[in-house]
Amino acid sequence: MGTKAETPEAYIKKAPEERHEALKKLRQVINDNLPKGFEEGMQYGMIGYYVPHSIYPDG
C-alpha cells in the first residue's frame, strides 16, 4: 500500500483501522532486530529500512 505519508507513523495512521495493530507490532519487531547502521524511513510510499548514504555514499 503506497501512500504520500512522510513518516512511518503517518503511514500506519493512513492504513485501514483493522491493520494498525499488526503494522505496529511488525514495525516494532523489525526495529528491535534492525542491524546497527540501518535506518527506518519512507521509500516508494512505504516504510523502508536502509543503510544511509552517510555510511555508504555509493550504495
PDB file of N, CA and C in Angstrom:
ATOM      1  N   MET A   1       0.837  -1.175   0.000  1.00  0.00           N
ATOM      2  CA  MET A   1       0.000   0.000   0.000  1.00  0.00           C
ATOM      3  C   MET A   1       0.879   1.234   0.000  1.00  0.00           C
ATOM      4  N   GLY A   2       1.111   1.844  -1.119  1.00  0.00           N
ATOM      5  CA  GLY A   2       1.895   3.068  -1.189  1.00  0.00           C
ATOM      6  C   GLY A   2       1.030   4.275  -0.887  1.00  0.00           C
ATOM      7  N   THR A   3       1.574   5.223  -0.121  1.00  0.00           N
ATOM      8  CA  THR A   3       0.846   6.436   0.213  1.00  0.00           C
ATOM      9  C   THR A   3       1.774   7.631   0.053  1.00  0.00           C
ATOM     10  N   LYS A   4       1.256   8.808   0.336  1.00  0.00           N
ATOM     11  CA  LYS A   4       2.076  10.004   0.334  1.00  0.00           C
ATOM     12  C   LYS A   4       2.493  10.378   1.754  1.00  0.00           C
ATOM     13  N   ALA A   5       2.378   9.436   2.677  1.00  0.00           N
ATOM     14  CA  ALA A   5       2.772   9.670   4.067  1.00  0.00           C
ATOM     15  C   ALA A   5       4.266   9.980   4.114  1.00  0.00           C
ATOM     16  N   GLU A   6       4.639  10.890   4.989  1.00  0.00           N
ATOM     17  CA  GLU A   6       6.036  11.295   5.089  1.00  0.00           C
ATOM     18  C   GLU A   6       6.778  10.636   6.244  1.00  0.00           C
ATOM     19  N   THR A   7       6.057   9.946   7.130  1.00  0.00           N
ATOM     20  CA  THR A   7       6.687   9.253   8.254  1.00  0.00           C
ATOM     21  C   THR A   7       6.049   7.875   8.418  1.00  0.00           C
ATOM     22  N   PRO A   8       6.764   6.948   9.058  1.00  0.00           N
ATOM     23  CA  PRO A   8       6.161   5.645   9.320  1.00  0.00           C
ATOM     24  C   PRO A   8       4.878   5.747  10.153  1.00  0.00           C
ATOM     25  N   GLU A   9       4.859   6.673  11.112  1.00  0.00           N
ATOM     26  CA  GLU A   9       3.665   6.844  11.937  1.00  0.00           C
ATOM     27  C   GLU A   9       2.474   7.292  11.086  1.00  0.00           C
ATOM     28  N   ALA A  10       2.719   8.223  10.186  1.00  0.00           N
ATOM     29  CA  ALA A  10       1.651   8.703   9.303  1.00  0.00           C
ATOM     30  C   ALA A  10       1.180   7.588   8.369  1.00  0.00           C
ATOM     31  N   TYR A  11       2.101   6.760   7.912  1.00  0.00           N
ATOM     32  CA  TYR A  11       1.755   5.631   7.051  1.00  0.00           C
ATOM     33  C   TYR A  11       0.777   4.696   7.773  1.00  0.00           C
ATOM     34  N   ILE A  12       1.081   4.377   9.020  1.00  0.00           N
ATOM     35  CA  ILE A  12       0.215   3.482   9.786  1.00  0.00           C
ATOM     36  C   ILE A  12      -1.146   4.121  10.012  1.00  0.00           C
ATOM     37  N   LYS A  13      -1.172   5.418  10.312  1.00  0.00           N
ATOM     38  CA  LYS A  13      -2.444   6.108  10.521  1.00  0.00           C
ATOM     39  C   LYS A  13      -3.322   6.091   9.274  1.00  0.00           C
ATOM     40  N   LYS A  14      -2.702   6.108   8.098  1.00  0.00           N
ATOM     41  CA  LYS A  14      -3.465   6.118   6.842  1.00  0.00           C
ATOM     42  C   LYS A  14      -3.929   4.723   6.425  1.00  0.00           C
ATOM     43  N   ALA A  15      -3.363   3.701   7.042  1.00  0.00           N
ATOM     44  CA  ALA A  15      -3.769   2.328   6.731  1.00  0.00           C
ATOM     45  C   ALA A  15      -5.160   2.076   7.310  1.00  0.00           C
ATOM     46  N   PRO A  16      -5.868   1.079   6.776  1.00  0.00           N
ATOM     47  CA  PRO A  16      -7.177   0.739   7.344  1.00  0.00           C
ATOM     48  C   PRO A  16      -7.057   0.418   8.838  1.00  0.00           C
ATOM     49  N   GLU A  17      -8.024   0.836   9.602  1.00  0.00           N
ATOM     50  CA  GLU A  17      -8.018   0.687  11.065  1.00  0.00           C
ATOM     51  C   GLU A  17      -7.697  -0.738  11.521  1.00  0.00           C
ATOM     52  N   GLU A  18      -8.249  -1.724  10.829  1.00  0.00           N
ATOM     53  CA  GLU A  18      -8.030  -3.116  11.248  1.00  0.00           C
ATOM     54  C   GLU A  18      -6.583  -3.582  11.055  1.00  0.00           C
ATOM     55  N   ARG A  19      -5.773  -2.808  10.368  1.00  0.00           N
ATOM     56  CA  ARG A  19      -4.365  -3.177  10.150  1.00  0.00           C
ATOM     57  C   ARG A  19      -3.400  -2.454  11.083  1.00  0.00           C
ATOM     58  N   HIS A  20      -3.867  -1.462  11.810  1.00  0.00           N
ATOM     59  CA  HIS A  20      -2.985  -0.651  12.656  1.00  0.00           C
ATOM     60  C   HIS A  20      -2.182  -1.486  13.648  1.00  0.00           C
ATOM     61  N   GLU A  21      -2.846  -2.334  14.410  1.00  0.00           N
ATOM     62  CA  GLU A  21      -2.159  -3.107  15.441  1.00  0.00           C
ATOM     63  C   GLU A  21      -1.108  -4.035  14.838  1.00  0.00           C
ATOM     64  N   ALA A  22      -1.443  -4.714  13.761  1.00  0.00           N
ATOM     65  CA  ALA A  22      -0.486  -5.624  13.118  1.00  0.00           C
ATOM     66  C   ALA A  22       0.713  -4.852  12.569  1.00  0.00           C
ATOM     67  N   LEU A  23       0.466  -3.698  11.958  1.00  0.00           N
ATOM     68  CA  LEU A  23       1.575  -2.895  11.427  1.00  0.00           C
ATOM     69  C   LEU A  23       2.475  -2.382  12.540  1.00  0.00           C
ATOM     70  N   LYS A  24       1.886  -1.974  13.651  1.00  0.00           N
ATOM     71  CA  LYS A  24       2.682  -1.502  14.789  1.00  0.00           C
ATOM     72  C   LYS A  24       3.549  -2.620  15.353  1.00  0.00           C
ATOM     73  N   LYS A  25       2.979  -3.816  15.485  1.00  0.00           N
ATOM     74  CA  LYS A  25       3.738  -4.963  16.006  1.00  0.00           C
ATOM     75  C   LYS A  25       4.862  -5.343  15.049  1.00  0.00           C
ATOM     76  N   LEU A  26       4.572  -5.398  13.756  1.00  0.00           N
ATOM     77  CA  LEU A  26       5.579  -5.740  12.765  1.00  0.00           C
ATOM     78  C   LEU A  26       6.710  -4.724  12.770  1.00  0.00           C
ATOM     79  N   ARG A  27       6.367  -3.453  12.817  1.00  0.00           N
ATOM     80  CA  ARG A  27       7.370  -2.386  12.848  1.00  0.00           C
ATOM     81  C   ARG A  27       8.252  -2.512  14.085  1.00  0.00           C
ATOM     82  N   GLN A  28       7.670  -2.838  15.220  1.00  0.00           N
ATOM     83  CA  GLN A  28       8.442  -2.989  16.454  1.00  0.00           C
ATOM     84  C   GLN A  28       9.423  -4.151  16.353  1.00  0.00           C
ATOM     85  N   VAL A  29       8.975  -5.291  15.826  1.00  0.00           N
ATOM     86  CA  VAL A  29       9.851  -6.452  15.668  1.00  0.00           C
ATOM     87  C   VAL A  29      11.018  -6.113  14.743  1.00  0.00           C
ATOM     88  N   ILE A  30      10.735  -5.450  13.634  1.00  0.00           N
ATOM     89  CA  ILE A  30      11.796  -5.082  12.698  1.00  0.00           C
ATOM     90  C   ILE A  30      12.780  -4.130  13.360  1.00  0.00           C
ATOM     91  N   ASN A  31      12.283  -3.087  14.012  1.00  0.00           N
ATOM     92  CA  ASN A  31      13.171  -2.117  14.649  1.00  0.00           C
ATOM     93  C   ASN A  31      13.983  -2.738  15.775  1.00  0.00           C
ATOM     94  N   ASP A  32      13.419  -3.694  16.504  1.00  0.00           N
ATOM     95  CA  ASP A  32      14.156  -4.376  17.574  1.00  0.00           C
ATOM     96  C   ASP A  32      15.292  -5.227  17.029  1.00  0.00           C
ATOM     97  N   ASN A  33      15.202  -5.644  15.774  1.00  0.00           N
ATOM     98  CA  ASN A  33      16.200  -6.545  15.187  1.00  0.00           C
ATOM     99  C   ASN A  33      16.986  -5.921  14.044  1.00  0.00           C
ATOM    100  N   LEU A  34      16.832  -4.642  13.818  1.00  0.00           N
ATOM    101  CA  LEU A  34      17.495  -3.953  12.724  1.00  0.00           C
ATOM    102  C   LEU A  34      18.996  -3.872  13.004  1.00  0.00           C
ATOM    103  N   PRO A  35      19.833  -4.292  12.064  1.00  0.00           N
ATOM    104  CA  PRO A  35      21.278  -4.212  12.291  1.00  0.00           C
ATOM    105  C   PRO A  35      21.739  -2.770  12.509  1.00  0.00           C
ATOM    106  N   LYS A  36      22.814  -2.637  13.262  1.00  0.00           N
ATOM    107  CA  LYS A  36      23.389  -1.326  13.533  1.00  0.00           C
ATOM    108  C   LYS A  36      23.725  -0.630  12.215  1.00  0.00           C
ATOM    109  N   GLY A  37      23.409   0.649  12.152  1.00  0.00           N
ATOM    110  CA  GLY A  37      23.701   1.429  10.961  1.00  0.00           C
ATOM    111  C   GLY A  37      22.519   1.592  10.026  1.00  0.00           C
ATOM    112  N   PHE A  38      21.539   0.711  10.121  1.00  0.00           N
ATOM    113  CA  PHE A  38      20.343   0.825   9.284  1.00  0.00           C
ATOM    114  C   PHE A  38      19.415   1.879   9.863  1.00  0.00           C
ATOM    115  N   GLU A  39      18.586   2.456   9.017  1.00  0.00           N
ATOM    116  CA  GLU A  39      17.607   3.442   9.441  1.00  0.00           C
ATOM    117  C   GLU A  39      16.244   3.086   8.884  1.00  0.00           C
ATOM    118  N   GLU A  40      15.227   3.573   9.563  1.00  0.00           N
ATOM    119  CA  GLU A  40      13.852   3.414   9.105  1.00  0.00           C
ATOM    120  C   GLU A  40      13.407   4.730   8.479  1.00  0.00           C
ATOM    121  N   GLY A  41      12.659   4.644   7.407  1.00  0.00           N
ATOM    122  CA  GLY A  41      12.144   5.847   6.774  1.00  0.00           C
ATOM    123  C   GLY A  41      11.127   5.479   5.714  1.00  0.00           C
ATOM    124  N   MET A  42      10.730   6.450   4.947  1.00  0.00           N
ATOM    125  CA  MET A  42       9.750   6.222   3.894  1.00  0.00           C
ATOM    126  C   MET A  42      10.463   6.114   2.543  1.00  0.00           C
ATOM    127  N   GLN A  43      10.138   5.067   1.795  1.00  0.00           N
ATOM    128  CA  GLN A  43      10.686   4.850   0.458  1.00  0.00           C
ATOM    129  C   GLN A  43       9.576   4.314  -0.441  1.00  0.00           C
ATOM    130  N   TYR A  44       9.416   4.929  -1.590  1.00  0.00           N
ATOM    131  CA  TYR A  44       8.429   4.474  -2.566  1.00  0.00           C
ATOM    132  C   TYR A  44       7.021   4.380  -1.974  1.00  0.00           C
ATOM    133  N   GLY A  45       6.689   5.295  -1.055  1.00  0.00           N
ATOM    134  CA  GLY A  45       5.364   5.329  -0.468  1.00  0.00           C
ATOM    135  C   GLY A  45       5.104   4.281   0.603  1.00  0.00           C
ATOM    136  N   MET A  46       6.172   3.617   1.076  1.00  0.00           N
ATOM    137  CA  MET A  46       6.045   2.582   2.100  1.00  0.00           C
ATOM    138  C   MET A  46       7.151   2.752   3.134  1.00  0.00           C
ATOM    139  N   ILE A  47       6.980   2.108   4.283  1.00  0.00           N
ATOM    140  CA  ILE A  47       8.045   2.096   5.281  1.00  0.00           C
ATOM    141  C   ILE A  47       9.189   1.268   4.724  1.00  0.00           C
ATOM    142  N   GLY A  48      10.402   1.814   4.810  1.00  0.00           N
ATOM    143  CA  GLY A  48      11.567   1.106   4.308  1.00  0.00           C
ATOM    144  C   GLY A  48      12.694   1.139   5.323  1.00  0.00           C
ATOM    145  N   TYR A  49      13.643   0.234   5.155  1.00  0.00           N
ATOM    146  CA  TYR A  49      14.803   0.118   6.035  1.00  0.00           C
ATOM    147  C   TYR A  49      16.039   0.081   5.157  1.00  0.00           C
ATOM    148  N   TYR A  50      17.026   0.901   5.494  1.00  0.00           N
ATOM    149  CA  TYR A  50      18.157   1.075   4.594  1.00  0.00           C
ATOM    150  C   TYR A  50      19.392   1.547   5.348  1.00  0.00           C
ATOM    151  N   VAL A  51      20.547   1.385   4.714  1.00  0.00           N
ATOM    152  CA  VAL A  51      21.787   1.952   5.213  1.00  0.00           C
ATOM    153  C   VAL A  51      21.897   3.342   4.596  1.00  0.00           C
ATOM    154  N   PRO A  52      22.015   4.371   5.420  1.00  0.00           N
ATOM    155  CA  PRO A  52      22.031   5.735   4.877  1.00  0.00           C
ATOM    156  C   PRO A  52      23.293   6.029   4.073  1.00  0.00           C
ATOM    157  N   HIS A  53      23.188   6.966   3.139  1.00  0.00           N
ATOM    158  CA  HIS A  53      24.320   7.337   2.297  1.00  0.00           C
ATOM    159  C   HIS A  53      25.471   7.934   3.104  1.00  0.00           C
ATOM    160  N   SER A  54      25.209   8.398   4.321  1.00  0.00           N
ATOM    161  CA  SER A  54      26.295   8.912   5.159  1.00  0.00           C
ATOM    162  C   SER A  54      27.254   7.808   5.562  1.00  0.00           C
ATOM    163  N   ILE A  55      26.785   6.552   5.557  1.00  0.00           N
ATOM    164  CA  ILE A  55      27.654   5.409   5.878  1.00  0.00           C
ATOM    165  C   ILE A  55      28.223   4.801   4.607  1.00  0.00           C
ATOM    166  N   TYR A  56      27.379   4.592   3.599  1.00  0.00           N
ATOM    167  CA  TYR A  56      27.794   4.019   2.324  1.00  0.00           C
ATOM    168  C   TYR A  56      27.343   4.957   1.209  1.00  0.00           C
ATOM    169  N   PRO A  57      28.104   6.019   0.941  1.00  0.00           N
ATOM    170  CA  PRO A  57      27.671   7.026  -0.029  1.00  0.00           C
ATOM    171  C   PRO A  57      27.425   6.497  -1.442  1.00  0.00           C
ATOM    172  N   ASP A  58      28.135   5.456  -1.860  1.00  0.00           N
ATOM    173  CA  ASP A  58      27.980   4.937  -3.211  1.00  0.00           C
ATOM    174  C   ASP A  58      26.907   3.859  -3.305  1.00  0.00           C
ATOM    175  N   GLY A  59      26.275   3.518  -2.169  1.00  0.00           N
ATOM    176  CA  GLY A  59      25.351   2.394  -2.101  1.00  0.00           C
ATOM    177  C   GLY A  59      24.050   2.687  -2.693  1.00  0.00           C
TER     178      GLY A  59
END
